[in-house]
Amino acid sequence: MVDQFDMAAFTDGQNTERFYGLTENRREIDLDMREMVDKVKKGEPLYGHSSLSEHMQGVAARNSRYSGLFLYAIPWFNFVNHPFHGVDTSKYYRQAERELAAEESGREGPTPA
């Protein structure tokens, strides 16, 4: 019989595979792009604000980097906002520039007489 812990571990294992890129989830990728581009347009930090020093943010990131792979042995969760995700954030800025340019060119259309 499957108990609740086994089911939670199985579900979290599927999420881990998705977040580490072992299985692709196009919907998640599109939602991430939309959320991050919106933050760039608003001038907000991509990964939120943190009250911790940059050193402590790095410690939290290093301690939890592969924790999802060992969830069955030691549940280790990271609730720290930090910029150390290993993601090339320039793609969000490039997309935001393209969208802002498209919006600007749309506004420069014919003017009413």
PDB file of N, CA and C in Angstrom:
ATOM      1  N   MET A   1       0.842  -1.176   0.000  1.00  0.00           N
ATOM      2  CA  MET A   1       0.000   0.000   0.000  1.00  0.00           C
ATOM      3  C   MET A   1       0.890   1.242   0.000  1.00  0.00           C
ATOM      4  N   VAL A   2       0.538   2.206  -0.800  1.00  0.00           N
ATOM      5  CA  VAL A   2       1.303   3.447  -0.908  1.00  0.00           C
ATOM      6  C   VAL A   2       0.829   4.405   0.180  1.00  0.00           C
ATOM      7  N   ASP A   3       1.759   4.866   1.004  1.00  0.00           N
ATOM      8  CA  ASP A   3       1.366   5.831   2.031  1.00  0.00           C
ATOM      9  C   ASP A   3       1.624   7.250   1.537  1.00  0.00           C
ATOM     10  N   GLN A   4       1.250   8.213   2.354  1.00  0.00           N
ATOM     11  CA  GLN A   4       1.343   9.609   1.936  1.00  0.00           C
ATOM     12  C   GLN A   4       2.784  10.050   1.705  1.00  0.00           C
ATOM     13  N   PHE A   5       3.717   9.555   2.519  1.00  0.00           N
ATOM     14  CA  PHE A   5       5.118   9.935   2.350  1.00  0.00           C
ATOM     15  C   PHE A   5       5.654   9.456   1.004  1.00  0.00           C
ATOM     16  N   ASP A   6       5.331   8.213   0.640  1.00  0.00           N
ATOM     17  CA  ASP A   6       5.788   7.687  -0.648  1.00  0.00           C
ATOM     18  C   ASP A   6       5.215   8.496  -1.803  1.00  0.00           C
ATOM     19  N   MET A   7       3.953   8.859  -1.699  1.00  0.00           N
ATOM     20  CA  MET A   7       3.320   9.641  -2.760  1.00  0.00           C
ATOM     21  C   MET A   7       3.948  11.027  -2.865  1.00  0.00           C
ATOM     22  N   ALA A   8       4.214  11.663  -1.717  1.00  0.00           N
ATOM     23  CA  ALA A   8       4.844  12.986  -1.730  1.00  0.00           C
ATOM     24  C   ALA A   8       6.249  12.898  -2.306  1.00  0.00           C
ATOM     25  N   ALA A   9       6.996  11.862  -1.956  1.00  0.00           N
ATOM     26  CA  ALA A   9       8.354  11.694  -2.481  1.00  0.00           C
ATOM     27  C   ALA A   9       8.319  11.459  -3.989  1.00  0.00           C
ATOM     28  N   PHE A  10       7.344  10.685  -4.464  1.00  0.00           N
ATOM     29  CA  PHE A  10       7.224  10.437  -5.899  1.00  0.00           C
ATOM     30  C   PHE A  10       6.897  11.722  -6.641  1.00  0.00           C
ATOM     31  N   THR A  11       5.949  12.479  -6.124  1.00  0.00           N
ATOM     32  CA  THR A  11       5.554  13.745  -6.758  1.00  0.00           C
ATOM     33  C   THR A  11       6.710  14.732  -6.762  1.00  0.00           C
ATOM     34  N   ASP A  12       7.401  14.839  -5.634  1.00  0.00           N
ATOM     35  CA  ASP A  12       8.527  15.759  -5.576  1.00  0.00           C
ATOM     36  C   ASP A  12       9.657  15.293  -6.483  1.00  0.00           C
ATOM     37  N   GLY A  13       9.806  13.998  -6.646  1.00  0.00           N
ATOM     38  CA  GLY A  13      10.810  13.470  -7.575  1.00  0.00           C
ATOM     39  C   GLY A  13      10.519  13.888  -9.007  1.00  0.00           C
ATOM     40  N   GLN A  14       9.250  13.896  -9.376  1.00  0.00           N
ATOM     41  CA  GLN A  14       8.871  14.354 -10.716  1.00  0.00           C
ATOM     42  C   GLN A  14       9.191  15.832 -10.879  1.00  0.00           C
ATOM     43  N   ASN A  15       8.931  16.642  -9.863  1.00  0.00           N
ATOM     44  CA  ASN A  15       9.255  18.064  -9.919  1.00  0.00           C
ATOM     45  C   ASN A  15      10.757  18.270 -10.032  1.00  0.00           C
ATOM     46  N   THR A  16      11.519  17.472  -9.304  1.00  0.00           N
ATOM     47  CA  THR A  16      12.972  17.577  -9.354  1.00  0.00           C
ATOM     48  C   THR A  16      13.478  17.293 -10.756  1.00  0.00           C
ATOM     49  N   GLU A  17      12.964  16.248 -11.388  1.00  0.00           N
ATOM     50  CA  GLU A  17      13.371  15.931 -12.761  1.00  0.00           C
ATOM     51  C   GLU A  17      13.069  17.105 -13.689  1.00  0.00           C
ATOM     52  N   ARG A  18      11.935  17.728 -13.502  1.00  0.00           N
ATOM     53  CA  ARG A  18      11.533  18.848 -14.351  1.00  0.00           C
ATOM     54  C   ARG A  18      12.441  20.047 -14.122  1.00  0.00           C
ATOM     55  N   PHE A  19      12.720  20.390 -12.861  1.00  0.00           N
ATOM     56  CA  PHE A  19      13.517  21.578 -12.562  1.00  0.00           C
ATOM     57  C   PHE A  19      14.985  21.401 -12.936  1.00  0.00           C
ATOM     58  N   TYR A  20      15.485  20.173 -12.899  1.00  0.00           N
ATOM     59  CA  TYR A  20      16.872  19.945 -13.307  1.00  0.00           C
ATOM     60  C   TYR A  20      16.989  19.764 -14.822  1.00  0.00           C
ATOM     61  N   GLY A  21      15.886  19.805 -15.527  1.00  0.00           N
ATOM     62  CA  GLY A  21      15.923  19.712 -16.973  1.00  0.00           C
ATOM     63  C   GLY A  21      15.977  18.294 -17.495  1.00  0.00           C
ATOM     64  N   LEU A  22      15.718  17.315 -16.649  1.00  0.00           N
ATOM     65  CA  LEU A  22      15.734  15.930 -17.103  1.00  0.00           C
ATOM     66  C   LEU A  22      14.506  15.619 -17.937  1.00  0.00           C
ATOM     67  N   THR A  23      13.414  16.279 -17.629  1.00  0.00           N
ATOM     68  CA  THR A  23      12.210  16.183 -18.457  1.00  0.00           C
ATOM     69  C   THR A  23      11.798  17.612 -18.795  1.00  0.00           C
ATOM     70  N   GLU A  24      11.428  17.834 -20.023  1.00  0.00           N
ATOM     71  CA  GLU A  24      11.092  19.194 -20.451  1.00  0.00           C
ATOM     72  C   GLU A  24       9.637  19.496 -20.159  1.00  0.00           C
ATOM     73  N   ASN A  25       9.400  20.706 -19.795  1.00  0.00           N
ATOM     74  CA  ASN A  25       8.051  21.173 -19.541  1.00  0.00           C
ATOM     75  C   ASN A  25       7.914  22.526 -20.219  1.00  0.00           C
ATOM     76  N   ARG A  26       7.457  22.546 -21.445  1.00  0.00           N
ATOM     77  CA  ARG A  26       7.360  23.763 -22.252  1.00  0.00           C
ATOM     78  C   ARG A  26       6.518  24.821 -21.550  1.00  0.00           C
ATOM     79  N   ARG A  27       5.437  24.425 -20.909  1.00  0.00           N
ATOM     80  CA  ARG A  27       4.567  25.382 -20.227  1.00  0.00           C
ATOM     81  C   ARG A  27       5.350  26.110 -19.133  1.00  0.00           C
ATOM     82  N   GLU A  28       6.137  25.373 -18.363  1.00  0.00           N
ATOM     83  CA  GLU A  28       6.920  25.978 -17.281  1.00  0.00           C
ATOM     84  C   GLU A  28       7.960  26.948 -17.840  1.00  0.00           C
ATOM     85  N   ILE A  29       8.588  26.595 -18.951  1.00  0.00           N
ATOM     86  CA  ILE A  29       9.593  27.450 -19.578  1.00  0.00           C
ATOM     87  C   ILE A  29       8.949  28.754 -20.058  1.00  0.00           C
ATOM     88  N   ASP A  30       7.785  28.645 -20.683  1.00  0.00           N
ATOM     89  CA  ASP A  30       7.082  29.836 -21.169  1.00  0.00           C
ATOM     90  C   ASP A  30       6.630  30.736 -20.022  1.00  0.00           C
ATOM     91  N   LEU A  31       6.126  30.131 -18.938  1.00  0.00           N
ATOM     92  CA  LEU A  31       5.702  30.917 -17.780  1.00  0.00           C
ATOM     93  C   LEU A  31       6.890  31.628 -17.133  1.00  0.00           C
ATOM     94  N   ASP A  32       8.025  30.947 -17.052  1.00  0.00           N
ATOM     95  CA  ASP A  32       9.229  31.552 -16.489  1.00  0.00           C
ATOM     96  C   ASP A  32       9.659  32.760 -17.321  1.00  0.00           C
ATOM     97  N   MET A  33       9.675  32.610 -18.634  1.00  0.00           N
ATOM     98  CA  MET A  33      10.073  33.707 -19.525  1.00  0.00           C
ATOM     99  C   MET A  33       9.133  34.896 -19.342  1.00  0.00           C
ATOM    100  N   ARG A  34       7.836  34.632 -19.299  1.00  0.00           N
ATOM    101  CA  ARG A  34       6.863  35.718 -19.148  1.00  0.00           C
ATOM    102  C   ARG A  34       7.061  36.444 -17.812  1.00  0.00           C
ATOM    103  N   GLU A  35       7.202  35.693 -16.732  1.00  0.00           N
ATOM    104  CA  GLU A  35       7.355  36.293 -15.405  1.00  0.00           C
ATOM    105  C   GLU A  35       8.629  37.131 -15.321  1.00  0.00           C
ATOM    106  N   MET A  36       9.730  36.594 -15.823  1.00  0.00           N
ATOM    107  CA  MET A  36      11.006  37.302 -15.715  1.00  0.00           C
ATOM    108  C   MET A  36      11.050  38.528 -16.620  1.00  0.00           C
ATOM    109  N   VAL A  37      10.495  38.446 -17.817  1.00  0.00           N
ATOM    110  CA  VAL A  37      10.466  39.593 -18.720  1.00  0.00           C
ATOM    111  C   VAL A  37       9.606  40.704 -18.120  1.00  0.00           C
ATOM    112  N   ASP A  38       8.492  40.337 -17.500  1.00  0.00           N
ATOM    113  CA  ASP A  38       7.655  41.344 -16.842  1.00  0.00           C
ATOM    114  C   ASP A  38       8.417  42.037 -15.721  1.00  0.00           C
ATOM    115  N   LYS A  39       9.224  41.277 -14.967  1.00  0.00           N
ATOM    116  CA  LYS A  39      10.031  41.880 -13.901  1.00  0.00           C
ATOM    117  C   LYS A  39      11.081  42.826 -14.475  1.00  0.00           C
ATOM    118  N   VAL A  40      11.698  42.451 -15.586  1.00  0.00           N
ATOM    119  CA  VAL A  40      12.699  43.317 -16.220  1.00  0.00           C
ATOM    120  C   VAL A  40      12.040  44.621 -16.658  1.00  0.00           C
ATOM    121  N   LYS A  41      10.863  44.530 -17.265  1.00  0.00           N
ATOM    122  CA  LYS A  41      10.164  45.734 -17.731  1.00  0.00           C
ATOM    123  C   LYS A  41       9.804  46.666 -16.577  1.00  0.00           C
ATOM    124  N   LYS A  42       9.488  46.092 -15.417  1.00  0.00           N
ATOM    125  CA  LYS A  42       9.126  46.902 -14.248  1.00  0.00           C
ATOM    126  C   LYS A  42      10.352  47.396 -13.492  1.00  0.00           C
ATOM    127  N   GLY A  43      11.538  46.886 -13.845  1.00  0.00           N
ATOM    128  CA  GLY A  43      12.759  47.286 -13.155  1.00  0.00           C
ATOM    129  C   GLY A  43      12.961  46.592 -11.817  1.00  0.00           C
ATOM    130  N   GLU A  44      12.283  45.474 -11.600  1.00  0.00           N
ATOM    131  CA  GLU A  44      12.401  44.727 -10.354  1.00  0.00           C
ATOM    132  C   GLU A  44      13.561  43.732 -10.441  1.00  0.00           C
ATOM    133  N   PRO A  45      14.143  43.350  -9.298  1.00  0.00           N
ATOM    134  CA  PRO A  45      15.172  42.309  -9.331  1.00  0.00           C
ATOM    135  C   PRO A  45      14.546  40.972  -9.742  1.00  0.00           C
ATOM    136  N   LEU A  46      15.258  40.207 -10.543  1.00  0.00           N
ATOM    137  CA  LEU A  46      14.698  38.964 -11.079  1.00  0.00           C
ATOM    138  C   LEU A  46      14.337  37.960 -10.001  1.00  0.00           C
ATOM    139  N   TYR A  47      15.161  37.830  -8.993  1.00  0.00           N
ATOM    140  CA  TYR A  47      14.930  36.792  -7.990  1.00  0.00           C
ATOM    141  C   TYR A  47      14.539  37.347  -6.632  1.00  0.00           C
ATOM    142  N   GLY A  48      13.976  38.518  -6.590  1.00  0.00           N
ATOM    143  CA  GLY A  48      13.467  39.083  -5.359  1.00  0.00           C
ATOM    144  C   GLY A  48      14.535  39.723  -4.496  1.00  0.00           C
ATOM    145  N   HIS A  49      14.110  40.252  -3.368  1.00  0.00           N
ATOM    146  CA  HIS A  49      15.002  40.907  -2.414  1.00  0.00           C
ATOM    147  C   HIS A  49      15.343  39.923  -1.310  1.00  0.00           C
ATOM    148  N   SER A  50      16.521  40.074  -0.737  1.00  0.00           N
ATOM    149  CA  SER A  50      16.925  39.247   0.391  1.00  0.00           C
ATOM    150  C   SER A  50      17.566  40.125   1.454  1.00  0.00           C
ATOM    151  N   SER A  51      17.298  39.802   2.702  1.00  0.00           N
ATOM    152  CA  SER A  51      17.916  40.541   3.797  1.00  0.00           C
ATOM    153  C   SER A  51      19.276  39.954   4.167  1.00  0.00           C
ATOM    154  N   LEU A  52      19.645  38.835   3.547  1.00  0.00           N
ATOM    155  CA  LEU A  52      20.932  38.200   3.839  1.00  0.00           C
ATOM    156  C   LEU A  52      22.054  38.848   3.036  1.00  0.00           C
ATOM    157  N   SER A  53      23.272  38.717   3.542  1.00  0.00           N
ATOM    158  CA  SER A  53      24.433  39.210   2.803  1.00  0.00           C
ATOM    159  C   SER A  53      24.637  38.331   1.563  1.00  0.00           C
ATOM    160  N   GLU A  54      25.400  38.839   0.609  1.00  0.00           N
ATOM    161  CA  GLU A  54      25.660  38.072  -0.605  1.00  0.00           C
ATOM    162  C   GLU A  54      26.372  36.756  -0.274  1.00  0.00           C
ATOM    163  N   HIS A  55      27.250  36.801   0.722  1.00  0.00           N
ATOM    164  CA  HIS A  55      27.957  35.576   1.133  1.00  0.00           C
ATOM    165  C   HIS A  55      26.973  34.519   1.637  1.00  0.00           C
ATOM    166  N   MET A  56      26.040  34.912   2.499  1.00  0.00           N
ATOM    167  CA  MET A  56      25.075  33.953   3.045  1.00  0.00           C
ATOM    168  C   MET A  56      24.112  33.449   1.972  1.00  0.00           C
ATOM    169  N   GLN A  57      23.786  34.301   1.001  1.00  0.00           N
ATOM    170  CA  GLN A  57      22.960  33.847  -0.112  1.00  0.00           C
ATOM    171  C   GLN A  57      23.699  32.769  -0.897  1.00  0.00           C
ATOM    172  N   GLY A  58      25.007  32.973  -1.110  1.00  0.00           N
ATOM    173  CA  GLY A  58      25.819  31.977  -1.804  1.00  0.00           C
ATOM    174  C   GLY A  58      25.896  30.671  -1.037  1.00  0.00           C
ATOM    175  N   VAL A  59      26.037  30.753   0.291  1.00  0.00           N
ATOM    176  CA  VAL A  59      26.062  29.550   1.129  1.00  0.00           C
ATOM    177  C   VAL A  59      24.756  28.779   0.973  1.00  0.00           C
ATOM    178  N   ALA A  60      23.633  29.478   1.037  1.00  0.00           N
ATOM    179  CA  ALA A  60      22.329  28.828   0.892  1.00  0.00           C
ATOM    180  C   ALA A  60      22.200  28.174  -0.479  1.00  0.00           C
ATOM    181  N   ALA A  61      22.671  28.851  -1.515  1.00  0.00           N
ATOM    182  CA  ALA A  61      22.581  28.291  -2.868  1.00  0.00           C
ATOM    183  C   ALA A  61      23.445  27.043  -2.996  1.00  0.00           C
ATOM    184  N   ARG A  62      24.672  27.092  -2.481  1.00  0.00           N
ATOM    185  CA  ARG A  62      25.553  25.922  -2.574  1.00  0.00           C
ATOM    186  C   ARG A  62      25.045  24.745  -1.757  1.00  0.00           C
ATOM    187  N   ASN A  63      24.476  25.022  -0.599  1.00  0.00           N
ATOM    188  CA  ASN A  63      23.987  23.938   0.254  1.00  0.00           C
ATOM    189  C   ASN A  63      22.783  23.226  -0.342  1.00  0.00           C
ATOM    190  N   SER A  64      22.029  23.900  -1.175  1.00  0.00           N
ATOM    191  CA  SER A  64      20.807  23.288  -1.695  1.00  0.00           C
ATOM    192  C   SER A  64      20.854  22.994  -3.192  1.00  0.00           C
ATOM    193  N   ARG A  65      22.001  23.187  -3.829  1.00  0.00           N
ATOM    194  CA  ARG A  65      22.069  23.055  -5.284  1.00  0.00           C
ATOM    195  C   ARG A  65      21.531  21.717  -5.785  1.00  0.00           C
ATOM    196  N   TYR A  66      21.950  20.602  -5.227  1.00  0.00           N
ATOM    197  CA  TYR A  66      21.506  19.283  -5.694  1.00  0.00           C
ATOM    198  C   TYR A  66      20.665  18.570  -4.640  1.00  0.00           C
ATOM    199  N   SER A  67      20.087  19.334  -3.726  1.00  0.00           N
ATOM    200  CA  SER A  67      19.333  18.726  -2.633  1.00  0.00           C
ATOM    201  C   SER A  67      18.114  17.942  -3.124  1.00  0.00           C
ATOM    202  N   GLY A  68      17.551  18.338  -4.246  1.00  0.00           N
ATOM    203  CA  GLY A  68      16.390  17.621  -4.771  1.00  0.00           C
ATOM    204  C   GLY A  68      16.703  16.200  -5.162  1.00  0.00           C
ATOM    205  N   LEU A  69      17.940  15.938  -5.522  1.00  0.00           N
ATOM    206  CA  LEU A  69      18.325  14.582  -5.918  1.00  0.00           C
ATOM    207  C   LEU A  69      18.467  13.653  -4.718  1.00  0.00           C
ATOM    208  N   PHE A  70      18.647  14.219  -3.536  1.00  0.00           N
ATOM    209  CA  PHE A  70      18.825  13.408  -2.326  1.00  0.00           C
ATOM    210  C   PHE A  70      17.659  13.576  -1.357  1.00  0.00           C
ATOM    211  N   LEU A  71      16.519  13.971  -1.891  1.00  0.00           N
ATOM    212  CA  LEU A  71      15.355  14.225  -1.049  1.00  0.00           C
ATOM    213  C   LEU A  71      14.927  12.978  -0.282  1.00  0.00           C
ATOM    214  N   TYR A  72      15.152  11.815  -0.872  1.00  0.00           N
ATOM    215  CA  TYR A  72      14.760  10.576  -0.207  1.00  0.00           C
ATOM    216  C   TYR A  72      15.579  10.340   1.059  1.00  0.00           C
ATOM    217  N   ALA A  73      16.795  10.884   1.132  1.00  0.00           N
ATOM    218  CA  ALA A  73      17.666  10.660   2.280  1.00  0.00           C
ATOM    219  C   ALA A  73      17.553  11.783   3.312  1.00  0.00           C
ATOM    220  N   ILE A  74      17.686  13.016   2.859  1.00  0.00           N
ATOM    221  CA  ILE A  74      17.632  14.175   3.754  1.00  0.00           C
ATOM    222  C   ILE A  74      16.786  15.259   3.098  1.00  0.00           C
ATOM    223  N   PRO A  75      15.582  15.502   3.590  1.00  0.00           N
ATOM    224  CA  PRO A  75      14.788  16.607   3.037  1.00  0.00           C
ATOM    225  C   PRO A  75      15.461  17.944   3.353  1.00  0.00           C
ATOM    226  N   TRP A  76      15.835  18.684   2.310  1.00  0.00           N
ATOM    227  CA  TRP A  76      16.562  19.944   2.486  1.00  0.00           C
ATOM    228  C   TRP A  76      15.927  20.972   1.570  1.00  0.00           C
ATOM    229  N   PHE A  77      15.325  21.984   2.158  1.00  0.00           N
ATOM    230  CA  PHE A  77      14.623  22.984   1.366  1.00  0.00           C
ATOM    231  C   PHE A  77      15.305  24.336   1.514  1.00  0.00           C
ATOM    232  N   ASN A  78      15.241  25.132   0.481  1.00  0.00           N
ATOM    233  CA  ASN A  78      15.886  26.439   0.474  1.00  0.00           C
ATOM    234  C   ASN A  78      14.803  27.504   0.299  1.00  0.00           C
ATOM    235  N   PHE A  79      14.695  28.387   1.285  1.00  0.00           N
ATOM    236  CA  PHE A  79      13.699  29.454   1.230  1.00  0.00           C
ATOM    237  C   PHE A  79      14.359  30.823   1.102  1.00  0.00           C
ATOM    238  N   VAL A  80      15.597  30.850   0.620  1.00  0.00           N
ATOM    239  CA  VAL A  80      16.371  32.087   0.521  1.00  0.00           C
ATOM    240  C   VAL A  80      16.279  32.633  -0.904  1.00  0.00           C
ATOM    241  N   ASN A  81      15.970  33.923  -1.047  1.00  0.00           N
ATOM    242  CA  ASN A  81      16.049  34.571  -2.356  1.00  0.00           C
ATOM    243  C   ASN A  81      17.520  34.826  -2.647  1.00  0.00           C
ATOM    244  N   HIS A  82      17.992  34.339  -3.794  1.00  0.00           N
ATOM    245  CA  HIS A  82      19.383  34.556  -4.168  1.00  0.00           C
ATOM    246  C   HIS A  82      19.500  34.553  -5.690  1.00  0.00           C
ATOM    247  N   PRO A  83      20.528  35.212  -6.225  1.00  0.00           N
ATOM    248  CA  PRO A  83      20.694  35.298  -7.680  1.00  0.00           C
ATOM    249  C   PRO A  83      21.546  34.180  -8.267  1.00  0.00           C
ATOM    250  N   PHE A  84      21.876  33.150  -7.495  1.00  0.00           N
ATOM    251  CA  PHE A  84      22.811  32.115  -7.943  1.00  0.00           C
ATOM    252  C   PHE A  84      22.069  30.888  -8.460  1.00  0.00           C
ATOM    253  N   HIS A  85      21.364  31.034  -9.565  1.00  0.00           N
ATOM    254  CA  HIS A  85      20.573  29.937 -10.105  1.00  0.00           C
ATOM    255  C   HIS A  85      21.232  29.261 -11.307  1.00  0.00           C
ATOM    256  N   GLY A  86      22.350  29.772 -11.758  1.00  0.00           N
ATOM    257  CA  GLY A  86      23.015  29.165 -12.901  1.00  0.00           C
ATOM    258  C   GLY A  86      22.271  29.384 -14.205  1.00  0.00           C
ATOM    259  N   VAL A  87      21.492  30.438 -14.276  1.00  0.00           N
ATOM    260  CA  VAL A  87      20.700  30.744 -15.468  1.00  0.00           C
ATOM    261  C   VAL A  87      21.291  31.973 -16.135  1.00  0.00           C
ATOM    262  N   ASP A  88      21.407  31.933 -17.453  1.00  0.00           N
ATOM    263  CA  ASP A  88      21.865  33.098 -18.199  1.00  0.00           C
ATOM    264  C   ASP A  88      20.703  34.083 -18.278  1.00  0.00           C
ATOM    265  N   THR A  89      20.736  35.095 -17.433  1.00  0.00           N
ATOM    266  CA  THR A  89      19.610  36.033 -17.346  1.00  0.00           C
ATOM    267  C   THR A  89      19.556  37.016 -18.513  1.00  0.00           C
ATOM    268  N   SER A  90      20.579  37.038 -19.357  1.00  0.00           N
ATOM    269  CA  SER A  90      20.564  37.977 -20.480  1.00  0.00           C
ATOM    270  C   SER A  90      19.411  37.687 -21.437  1.00  0.00           C
ATOM    271  N   LYS A  91      18.938  36.430 -21.475  1.00  0.00           N
ATOM    272  CA  LYS A  91      17.818  36.105 -22.373  1.00  0.00           C
ATOM    273  C   LYS A  91      16.559  36.865 -21.967  1.00  0.00           C
ATOM    274  N   TYR A  92      16.370  37.123 -20.675  1.00  0.00           N
ATOM    275  CA  TYR A  92      15.200  37.878 -20.234  1.00  0.00           C
ATOM    276  C   TYR A  92      15.303  39.333 -20.659  1.00  0.00           C
ATOM    277  N   TYR A  93      16.507  39.893 -20.550  1.00  0.00           N
ATOM    278  CA  TYR A  93      16.708  41.298 -20.931  1.00  0.00           C
ATOM    279  C   TYR A  93      16.576  41.478 -22.446  1.00  0.00           C
ATOM    280  N   ARG A  94      17.101  40.523 -23.226  1.00  0.00           N
ATOM    281  CA  ARG A  94      16.962  40.607 -24.692  1.00  0.00           C
ATOM    282  C   ARG A  94      15.491  40.550 -25.102  1.00  0.00           C
ATOM    283  N   GLN A  95      14.739  39.632 -24.493  1.00  0.00           N
ATOM    284  CA  GLN A  95      13.316  39.510 -24.822  1.00  0.00           C
ATOM    285  C   GLN A  95      12.556  40.772 -24.414  1.00  0.00           C
ATOM    286  N   ALA A  96      12.894  41.334 -23.264  1.00  0.00           N
ATOM    287  CA  ALA A  96      12.233  42.568 -22.820  1.00  0.00           C
ATOM    288  C   ALA A  96      12.522  43.704 -23.792  1.00  0.00           C
ATOM    289  N   GLU A  97      13.761  43.790 -24.278  1.00  0.00           N
ATOM    290  CA  GLU A  97      14.105  44.829 -25.257  1.00  0.00           C
ATOM    291  C   GLU A  97      13.302  44.655 -26.539  1.00  0.00           C
ATOM    292  N   ARG A  98      13.174  43.406 -26.999  1.00  0.00           N
ATOM    293  CA  ARG A  98      12.388  43.145 -28.217  1.00  0.00           C
ATOM    294  C   ARG A  98      10.929  43.549 -28.017  1.00  0.00           C
ATOM    295  N   GLU A  99      10.355  43.195 -26.876  1.00  0.00           N
ATOM    296  CA  GLU A  99       8.957  43.525 -26.626  1.00  0.00           C
ATOM    297  C   GLU A  99       8.745  45.034 -26.491  1.00  0.00           C
ATOM    298  N   LEU A 100       9.660  45.702 -25.808  1.00  0.00           N
ATOM    299  CA  LEU A 100       9.535  47.163 -25.670  1.00  0.00           C
ATOM    300  C   LEU A 100       9.676  47.851 -27.019  1.00  0.00           C
ATOM    301  N   ALA A 101      10.592  47.362 -27.874  1.00  0.00           N
ATOM    302  CA  ALA A 101      10.756  47.934 -29.216  1.00  0.00           C
ATOM    303  C   ALA A 101       9.488  47.709 -30.044  1.00  0.00           C
ATOM    304  N   ALA A 102       8.888  46.524 -29.923  1.00  0.00           N
ATOM    305  CA  ALA A 102       7.656  46.231 -30.666  1.00  0.00           C
ATOM    306  C   ALA A 102       6.511  47.113 -30.169  1.00  0.00           C
ATOM    307  N   GLU A 103       6.435  47.315 -28.856  1.00  0.00           N
ATOM    308  CA  GLU A 103       5.389  48.187 -28.309  1.00  0.00           C
ATOM    309  C   GLU A 103       5.586  49.624 -28.782  1.00  0.00           C
ATOM    310  N   GLU A 104       6.842  50.059 -28.795  1.00  0.00           N
ATOM    311  CA  GLU A 104       7.157  51.432 -29.216  1.00  0.00           C
ATOM    312  C   GLU A 104       6.824  51.629 -30.693  1.00  0.00           C
ATOM    313  N   SER A 105       7.172  50.657 -31.526  1.00  0.00           N
ATOM    314  CA  SER A 105       6.883  50.802 -32.958  1.00  0.00           C
ATOM    315  C   SER A 105       5.379  50.736 -33.213  1.00  0.00           C
ATOM    316  N   GLY A 106       4.637  50.022 -32.367  1.00  0.00           N
ATOM    317  CA  GLY A 106       3.178  49.967 -32.499  1.00  0.00           C
ATOM    318  C   GLY A 106       2.534  51.306 -32.158  1.00  0.00           C
ATOM    319  N   ARG A 107       3.142  52.047 -31.243  1.00  0.00           N
ATOM    320  CA  ARG A 107       2.607  53.347 -30.840  1.00  0.00           C
ATOM    321  C   ARG A 107       2.955  54.432 -31.853  1.00  0.00           C
ATOM    322  N   GLU A 108       3.966  54.207 -32.655  1.00  0.00           N
ATOM    323  CA  GLU A 108       4.386  55.201 -33.622  1.00  0.00           C
ATOM    324  C   GLU A 108       3.623  55.119 -34.927  1.00  0.00           C
ATOM    325  N   GLY A 109       2.502  54.429 -34.903  1.00  0.00           N
ATOM    326  CA  GLY A 109       1.676  54.270 -36.106  1.00  0.00           C
ATOM    327  C   GLY A 109       1.104  55.591 -36.574  1.00  0.00           C
ATOM    328  N   PRO A 110       0.140  55.533 -37.464  1.00  0.00           N
ATOM    329  CA  PRO A 110      -0.436  56.775 -38.005  1.00  0.00           C
ATOM    330  C   PRO A 110      -1.105  57.595 -36.913  1.00  0.00           C
ATOM    331  N   THR A 111      -0.890  58.882 -36.974  1.00  0.00           N
ATOM    332  CA  THR A 111      -1.497  59.798 -36.011  1.00  0.00           C
ATOM    333  C   THR A 111      -2.811  60.309 -36.566  1.00  0.00           C
ATOM    334  N   PRO A 112      -3.823  60.458 -35.724  1.00  0.00           N
ATOM    335  CA  PRO A 112      -5.119  60.964 -36.235  1.00  0.00           C
ATOM    336  C   PRO A 112      -4.999  62.432 -36.641  1.00  0.00           C
ATOM    337  N   ALA A 113      -5.714  62.797 -37.684  1.00  0.00           N
ATOM    338  CA  ALA A 113      -5.646  64.167 -38.216  1.00  0.00           C
ATOM    339  C   ALA A 113      -6.604  65.082 -37.531  1.00  0.00           C
TER     340      ALA A 113
END
